[in-house]
Protein backbone atom coordinates (compact mmCIF):
# COMPACT_ATOMS: atom_id res chain seq x y z
CA MET A 1 16.51 0.11 6.66
CA SER A 2 19.45 -2.16 7.07
CA SER A 3 18.80 -5.58 8.58
CA ARG A 4 20.02 -6.36 12.07
CA ASN A 5 22.00 -9.38 13.18
CA THR A 6 19.38 -11.77 14.53
CA GLU A 7 21.59 -14.78 15.12
CA ARG A 8 20.33 -16.77 18.11
CA PRO A 9 20.18 -20.30 19.54
CA SER A 10 18.74 -22.75 17.05
CA ALA A 11 15.77 -23.51 19.31
CA ALA A 12 14.43 -19.97 18.96
CA PRO A 13 12.67 -18.81 15.77
CA ALA A 14 14.15 -15.81 13.98
CA PRO A 15 12.38 -12.52 14.71
CA PRO A 16 11.59 -9.92 12.08
CA GLN A 17 14.55 -7.77 11.09
CA GLY A 18 13.52 -4.26 11.99
CA PRO A 19 10.23 -2.66 10.96
CA ALA A 20 10.44 -3.68 7.30
CA HIS A 21 7.11 -5.57 7.56
CA SER A 22 5.16 -2.49 6.51
CA ARG A 23 1.50 -1.90 7.43
CA SER A 24 1.13 0.68 4.68
CA ALA A 25 0.03 -1.89 2.11
CA GLY A 26 -3.02 -2.66 4.24
CA THR A 27 -2.25 -6.35 4.59
CA ALA A 28 -2.16 -8.31 7.84
CA PRO A 29 1.26 -9.08 9.36
CA ALA A 30 2.74 -12.38 8.29
CA THR A 31 1.44 -15.16 10.52
CA SER A 32 4.62 -17.22 10.01
CA LEU A 33 6.58 -14.79 12.15
CA PRO A 34 6.74 -15.37 15.91
CA ALA A 35 4.47 -13.13 17.95
CA ALA A 36 5.93 -9.77 18.90
CA ILE A 37 4.47 -10.42 22.36
CA ASP A 38 3.10 -13.72 23.66
CA LEU A 39 1.70 -13.80 27.20
CA ARG A 40 0.23 -17.05 28.50
CA GLY A 41 -1.44 -17.35 31.89
CA LEU A 42 0.64 -14.43 33.16
CA HIS A 43 0.53 -13.80 36.92
CA LYS A 44 2.42 -11.39 39.14
CA SER A 45 2.03 -11.09 42.88
CA PHE A 46 3.59 -8.70 45.38
CA GLY A 47 3.16 -10.41 48.72
CA THR A 48 -0.58 -10.86 49.16
CA VAL A 49 -1.44 -8.46 46.32
CA ASP A 50 -2.18 -10.02 42.93
CA ALA A 51 -1.27 -7.30 40.41
CA VAL A 52 -1.69 -9.50 37.32
CA ARG A 53 -4.09 -12.43 37.47
CA GLY A 54 -3.96 -14.61 34.39
CA ILE A 55 -3.37 -12.50 31.28
CA ASP A 56 -3.33 -14.20 27.87
CA LEU A 57 -2.31 -11.84 25.08
CA ARG A 58 -0.78 -12.30 21.65
CA VAL A 59 0.42 -9.26 19.68
CA ARG A 60 1.39 -9.87 16.08
CA PRO A 61 4.23 -8.03 14.31
CA GLY A 62 3.02 -4.75 12.86
CA GLU A 63 0.13 -4.14 15.26
CA VAL A 64 -0.38 -0.90 17.20
CA VAL A 65 -1.98 -1.88 20.52
CA ALA A 66 -3.22 0.36 23.34
CA LEU A 67 -3.31 -0.94 26.91
CA LEU A 68 -6.04 0.83 28.84
CA GLY A 69 -7.16 0.51 32.42
CA PRO A 70 -7.62 2.47 35.66
CA ASN A 71 -4.77 3.10 38.09
CA GLY A 72 -3.66 -0.16 39.66
CA ALA A 73 -5.16 -2.28 36.88
CA GLY A 74 -1.83 -4.01 36.18
CA LYS A 75 -0.75 -2.23 32.98
CA THR A 76 2.70 -1.11 34.12
CA THR A 77 3.37 -4.43 35.87
CA THR A 78 2.56 -6.23 32.62
CA ILE A 79 4.85 -3.89 30.67
CA ASP A 80 7.68 -4.51 33.15
CA MET A 81 7.39 -8.26 32.49
CA ILE A 82 7.31 -7.72 28.70
CA LEU A 83 10.55 -5.74 29.01
CA GLY A 84 12.18 -8.28 31.31
CA LEU A 85 12.34 -5.79 34.18
CA SER A 86 10.27 -8.10 36.36
CA ARG A 87 9.77 -11.85 36.41
CA PRO A 88 6.27 -13.32 36.44
CA THR A 89 5.06 -15.24 39.47
CA GLY A 90 3.38 -17.65 37.09
CA GLY A 91 2.79 -18.13 33.38
CA GLU A 92 5.01 -17.39 30.39
CA VAL A 93 6.12 -14.30 28.51
CA SER A 94 8.10 -14.15 25.27
CA THR A 95 8.94 -11.51 22.67
CA PHE A 96 9.71 -12.63 19.12
CA GLY A 97 9.98 -16.20 20.36
CA MET A 98 12.63 -15.55 23.01
CA MET A 99 12.95 -14.44 26.60
CA PRO A 100 12.32 -10.70 27.01
CA ARG A 101 15.86 -9.88 28.16
CA GLN A 102 17.29 -11.60 25.09
CA ALA A 103 15.14 -9.48 22.79
CA VAL A 104 16.02 -6.29 24.69
CA ASP A 105 19.75 -7.07 24.66
CA ARG A 106 19.63 -7.54 20.89
CA GLY A 107 17.90 -4.20 20.37
CA LEU A 108 14.67 -5.79 19.14
CA VAL A 109 12.64 -4.22 21.97
CA THR A 110 12.99 -0.71 23.38
CA ALA A 111 10.78 1.44 25.58
CA VAL A 112 9.80 5.04 26.26
CA MET A 113 8.99 5.29 29.96
CA GLN A 114 7.34 8.07 31.93
CA SER A 115 10.48 9.46 33.54
CA GLY A 116 14.09 8.83 34.48
CA GLY A 117 17.01 7.47 32.51
CA LEU A 118 18.55 10.80 31.40
CA LEU A 119 21.87 12.43 32.20
CA PRO A 120 21.17 16.14 32.80
CA ASP A 121 24.55 17.66 31.89
CA ILE A 122 25.13 16.32 28.37
CA THR A 123 23.37 17.36 25.19
CA VAL A 124 20.43 15.69 23.54
CA ARG A 125 22.56 14.53 20.62
CA GLU A 126 25.28 13.19 22.93
CA THR A 127 22.63 11.24 24.83
CA VAL A 128 21.36 9.54 21.68
CA ALA A 129 24.92 8.87 20.48
CA LEU A 130 25.78 7.29 23.83
CA THR A 131 22.70 5.08 23.58
CA ALA A 132 23.61 4.10 20.01
CA SER A 133 27.06 2.96 21.12
CA LEU A 134 25.45 0.20 23.20
CA PHE A 135 24.08 -1.62 20.15
CA SER A 136 25.84 -3.43 17.32
CA HIS A 137 22.89 -2.68 15.05
CA ARG A 138 21.76 0.94 15.01
CA ILE A 139 20.53 3.65 12.73
CA ASP A 140 22.20 7.01 12.23
CA VAL A 141 21.94 9.26 15.29
CA ASP A 142 20.72 12.24 13.26
CA ASP A 143 18.09 10.04 11.61
CA ALA A 144 16.81 8.96 15.04
CA LEU A 145 16.67 12.59 16.18
CA ARG A 146 14.82 13.63 13.03
CA ARG A 147 12.24 10.88 13.27
CA ALA A 148 11.63 11.69 16.94
CA GLY A 149 11.21 15.40 16.18
CA ALA A 150 14.24 16.26 18.33
CA SER A 151 16.63 17.71 15.74
CA ASP A 152 15.83 21.34 16.54
CA PHE A 153 17.01 21.04 20.16
CA ALA A 154 19.72 18.41 19.68
CA PRO A 155 22.54 20.79 20.82
CA ARG A 156 20.68 21.65 24.04
CA THR A 157 21.69 20.09 27.36
CA VAL A 158 19.12 17.71 28.75
CA LYS A 159 18.47 19.71 31.91
CA LYS A 160 17.38 22.69 29.79
CA CYS A 161 14.79 20.67 27.88
CA SER A 162 11.10 20.82 28.67
CA GLY A 163 9.20 17.73 29.74
CA GLY A 164 7.85 17.24 26.23
CA GLN A 165 11.33 17.61 24.72
CA GLN A 166 12.72 15.05 27.15
CA GLN A 167 10.03 12.60 26.07
CA ARG A 168 11.04 13.16 22.44
CA LEU A 169 14.62 12.50 23.49
CA ARG A 170 13.55 9.20 25.06
CA PHE A 171 11.76 8.39 21.81
CA ALA A 172 14.97 9.05 19.83
CA MET A 173 16.91 6.86 22.26
CA ALA A 174 14.36 4.09 21.73
CA LEU A 175 14.53 4.40 17.93
CA VAL A 176 18.29 4.38 17.54
CA SER A 177 18.57 0.57 17.79
CA ASP A 178 15.88 0.27 15.09
CA PRO A 179 13.68 -1.95 17.30
CA ALA A 180 10.99 -4.26 15.96
CA LEU A 181 8.86 -3.55 19.06
CA LEU A 182 8.44 -0.17 20.74
CA VAL A 183 6.79 -0.10 24.18
CA LEU A 184 5.43 3.19 25.55
CA ASP A 185 4.34 3.54 29.17
CA GLU A 186 2.23 6.69 29.64
CA PRO A 187 4.59 8.56 27.26
CA THR A 188 2.68 11.87 27.17
CA THR A 189 2.05 12.32 30.91
CA GLY A 190 2.64 15.99 31.76
CA MET A 191 2.56 17.21 28.15
CA ASP A 192 0.21 19.94 27.00
CA VAL A 193 -2.33 19.27 24.25
CA GLU A 194 -0.10 20.48 21.43
CA GLY A 195 2.86 18.51 22.79
CA ARG A 196 0.81 15.30 22.92
CA ARG A 197 -0.46 15.77 19.38
CA SER A 198 3.01 16.46 18.01
CA PHE A 199 4.49 13.48 19.88
CA TRP A 200 1.83 11.11 18.56
CA GLU A 201 2.30 12.34 15.02
CA ALA A 202 5.94 11.27 15.28
CA ILE A 203 5.00 7.90 16.83
CA HIS A 204 2.32 7.29 14.22
CA ALA A 205 4.65 8.12 11.33
CA ASP A 206 7.13 5.56 12.63
CA ALA A 207 4.42 2.94 13.19
CA ASP A 208 3.24 3.38 9.61
CA GLU A 209 6.54 1.85 8.49
CA GLY A 210 5.57 -1.40 10.19
CA ARG A 211 7.04 -1.21 13.67
CA THR A 212 5.02 -2.95 16.38
CA VAL A 213 3.90 -0.41 19.00
CA VAL A 214 2.34 -1.18 22.37
CA PHE A 215 1.41 1.75 24.58
CA ALA A 216 -0.28 2.30 27.93
CA THR A 217 -2.15 5.56 28.32
CA HIS A 218 -4.77 7.30 30.45
CA TYR A 219 -5.84 9.44 27.50
CA LEU A 220 -8.68 7.58 25.80
CA GLN A 221 -8.54 9.86 22.76
CA GLU A 222 -4.96 8.71 22.13
CA ALA A 223 -6.06 5.10 22.05
CA ASP A 224 -9.03 5.96 19.85
CA ALA A 225 -6.90 7.91 17.37
CA TYR A 226 -3.75 5.80 17.09
CA ALA A 227 -4.43 2.17 18.08
CA ASP A 228 -5.39 -0.65 15.73
CA ARG A 229 -6.49 -2.63 18.77
CA ILE A 230 -7.46 -1.84 22.35
CA VAL A 231 -6.77 -4.17 25.28
CA LEU A 232 -8.66 -3.10 28.39
CA ILE A 233 -7.25 -4.34 31.71
CA SER A 234 -9.05 -4.22 35.04
CA ARG A 235 -7.89 -5.71 38.35
CA GLY A 236 -5.12 -7.68 36.68
CA ARG A 237 -7.22 -9.25 33.93
CA ILE A 238 -8.18 -8.49 30.35
CA VAL A 239 -11.85 -7.51 30.24
CA ALA A 240 -12.07 -6.38 26.60
CA ASP A 241 -9.91 -6.84 23.52
CA GLY A 242 -10.68 -5.60 20.01
CA THR A 243 -10.92 -2.56 17.80
CA THR A 244 -12.35 0.65 19.23
CA ALA A 245 -15.66 -0.13 17.54
CA GLU A 246 -15.71 -3.64 19.02
CA VAL A 247 -14.97 -2.38 22.53
CA ARG A 248 -17.71 0.24 22.22
CA ALA A 249 -20.14 -2.40 20.97
CA SER A 250 -19.43 -4.57 24.02
CA VAL A 251 -21.44 -2.08 26.08
CA SER A 252 -24.98 -2.33 24.77
CA GLY A 253 -27.43 0.50 24.43
CA ARG A 254 -27.44 4.07 23.25
CA THR A 255 -27.74 7.34 25.12
CA VAL A 256 -30.66 9.76 24.94
CA ARG A 257 -30.06 13.38 25.97
CA ALA A 258 -32.83 15.98 26.06
CA THR A 259 -34.11 19.14 27.72
CA LEU A 260 -37.02 18.37 30.02
CA THR A 261 -40.31 20.29 29.88
CA CYS A 262 -41.87 18.24 32.67
CA GLY A 263 -41.29 17.37 36.29
CA PRO A 264 -39.71 14.18 37.75
CA THR A 265 -43.07 12.55 38.45
CA GLU A 266 -44.20 12.85 34.83
CA LEU A 267 -40.79 11.61 33.63
CA ARG A 268 -40.98 8.50 35.82
CA ARG A 269 -44.50 7.78 34.60
CA ALA A 270 -43.46 8.12 30.96
CA LEU A 271 -40.50 5.77 31.36
CA ALA A 272 -42.43 3.13 33.31
CA GLY A 273 -42.32 -0.21 31.51
CA LEU A 274 -39.40 0.79 29.28
CA ASP A 275 -36.01 -0.93 29.61
CA VAL A 276 -34.06 2.11 30.82
CA ARG A 277 -30.88 1.24 32.70
CA HIS A 278 -29.51 4.60 33.74
CA VAL A 279 -31.17 7.98 34.22
CA GLU A 280 -29.38 11.17 35.24
CA VAL A 281 -31.21 14.50 35.66
CA LEU A 282 -29.24 17.72 36.07
CA GLY A 283 -31.48 20.76 36.24
CA ASP A 284 -33.71 20.58 33.17
CA SER A 285 -31.37 18.18 31.30
CA VAL A 286 -31.85 14.42 31.26
CA SER A 287 -29.45 11.71 30.09
CA LEU A 288 -30.45 8.05 29.99
CA THR A 289 -29.29 4.76 28.51
CA ALA A 290 -31.51 2.15 26.87
CA ASP A 291 -31.45 -0.50 24.16
CA ASP A 292 -34.67 0.69 22.53
CA THR A 293 -33.98 4.41 22.41
CA ASP A 294 -36.64 4.90 19.72
CA ALA A 295 -39.31 3.85 22.24
CA VAL A 296 -37.86 6.26 24.81
CA ALA A 297 -37.83 9.10 22.28
CA THR A 298 -41.44 8.36 21.32
CA ALA A 299 -42.52 8.42 24.99
CA LEU A 300 -40.82 11.74 25.65
CA LEU A 301 -41.79 13.54 22.46
CA SER A 302 -45.35 12.26 22.06
CA GLY A 303 -46.15 13.44 25.56
CA ARG A 304 -44.31 16.72 24.96
CA LEU A 305 -42.19 15.97 28.01
CA ALA A 306 -38.87 16.95 26.41
CA LYS A 307 -37.33 18.88 23.54
CA ASP A 308 -33.95 19.15 21.78
CA LEU A 309 -33.62 15.37 21.93
CA GLU A 310 -30.38 13.71 20.80
CA ILE A 311 -29.58 9.98 20.48
CA THR A 312 -25.93 8.89 20.36
CA SER A 313 -24.01 5.62 20.47
CA ARG A 314 -22.06 4.99 23.63
CA GLY A 315 -18.42 6.01 23.34
CA LEU A 316 -15.10 4.55 24.39
CA GLU A 317 -15.30 6.41 27.71
CA ASP A 318 -18.68 4.78 28.42
CA ALA A 319 -17.23 1.35 27.66
CA PHE A 320 -14.18 2.05 29.81
CA ILE A 321 -16.30 3.05 32.80
CA ALA A 322 -18.74 0.16 32.41
CA LEU A 323 -16.08 -2.52 31.93
CA THR A 324 -13.79 -1.38 34.74
CA ALA A 325 -16.41 -0.46 37.35
CA ASP A 326 -15.53 -1.82 40.79
CA THR A 327 -19.08 -3.12 41.18
CA ALA A 328 -19.00 -5.14 37.97
CA PRO A 329 -18.67 -8.93 38.28
CA GLU A 330 -15.31 -10.41 37.40
CA ALA A 331 -14.71 -12.49 34.30
CA GLY A 332 -12.12 -15.14 33.69
CA PRO A 333 -9.27 -14.33 31.34
CA PRO A 334 -10.03 -14.76 27.63
CA SER A 335 -8.28 -17.52 25.72
CA PRO A 336 -5.47 -16.37 23.40
CA SER A 337 -6.23 -15.97 19.73
CA SER A 338 -5.41 -13.70 16.85
CA ARG A 339 -7.06 -10.30 16.72
CA SER A 340 -9.02 -11.16 13.60
CA SER A 341 -10.96 -13.89 15.42
CA ARG A 342 -10.86 -12.48 18.97
CA PRO A 343 -14.22 -11.49 20.41
CA VAL A 344 -14.62 -8.68 22.88
CA HIS A 345 -14.71 -10.05 26.42
CA PRO A 346 -16.88 -7.81 28.60
CA LEU A 347 -17.11 -8.27 32.32
């Protein structure tokens, strides 16, 4: 890819020129480069409502990061500040060592949002060409369409495109400036299963060339499949940050599932004295969580109280629910550090 013009005030460090810092070699992104995203003590309030309450986050060039959290957690508000669409009430935000609007104006940062931003009466190709005309550095329009998987419907007017096709169009619009950072806010909302899979294949192929990707999603399987790193946000704060395995490990215990051959009184008697934190009985099926699941299995099987027993590690969904539960105690924001040395911060 051709390099972009990154000339800037001398006080600001030079950002990477496009996604040439490839992840495919399996090496960590160069630490000498400024952070793709650097959030320090970030706060955002709307009147008496604190939407973001002290987020510290550093994303290095070349990372693919998923932002997860329940509705109202502060994900979209944080993204708006990263894109320069909203100013923080407190704290600092920078992208590639400069103010967000500077990075956006230079084409270093682009976004694929949930909706809006399209002219219905022009074609898909005309839309991408119009977007390309706004940037001094850009890739070929047809190349952007191809990489976004939008070439087949490029002659179609926007209003005749499906929701999934319009999201691919937004992806092509985001790619045409050859950004170093691509931000996705719930990009597959409203897509069917096949549409989501196809869209993520296109995103993943582009990320493999070294582009930094940060995406917010409600689909945990998307984060599990495509993110190098998961940042879990709850009530305006980061409550976990690490790989999928690290986030899962932050919720201790394993799950035992079995078919009961006894009644509730016998089950309670068998589990007495064991460290069992959660028990759910539905009909003749039982599901429970414990650290020492071997002891639980022994108690159930030796007494012939259950059959068809299965022990599994807790998944990302379990961690998500446990770490974002309204009844969980709050934790202070974690201190910023690189991903390689960042522990998971459970509530």
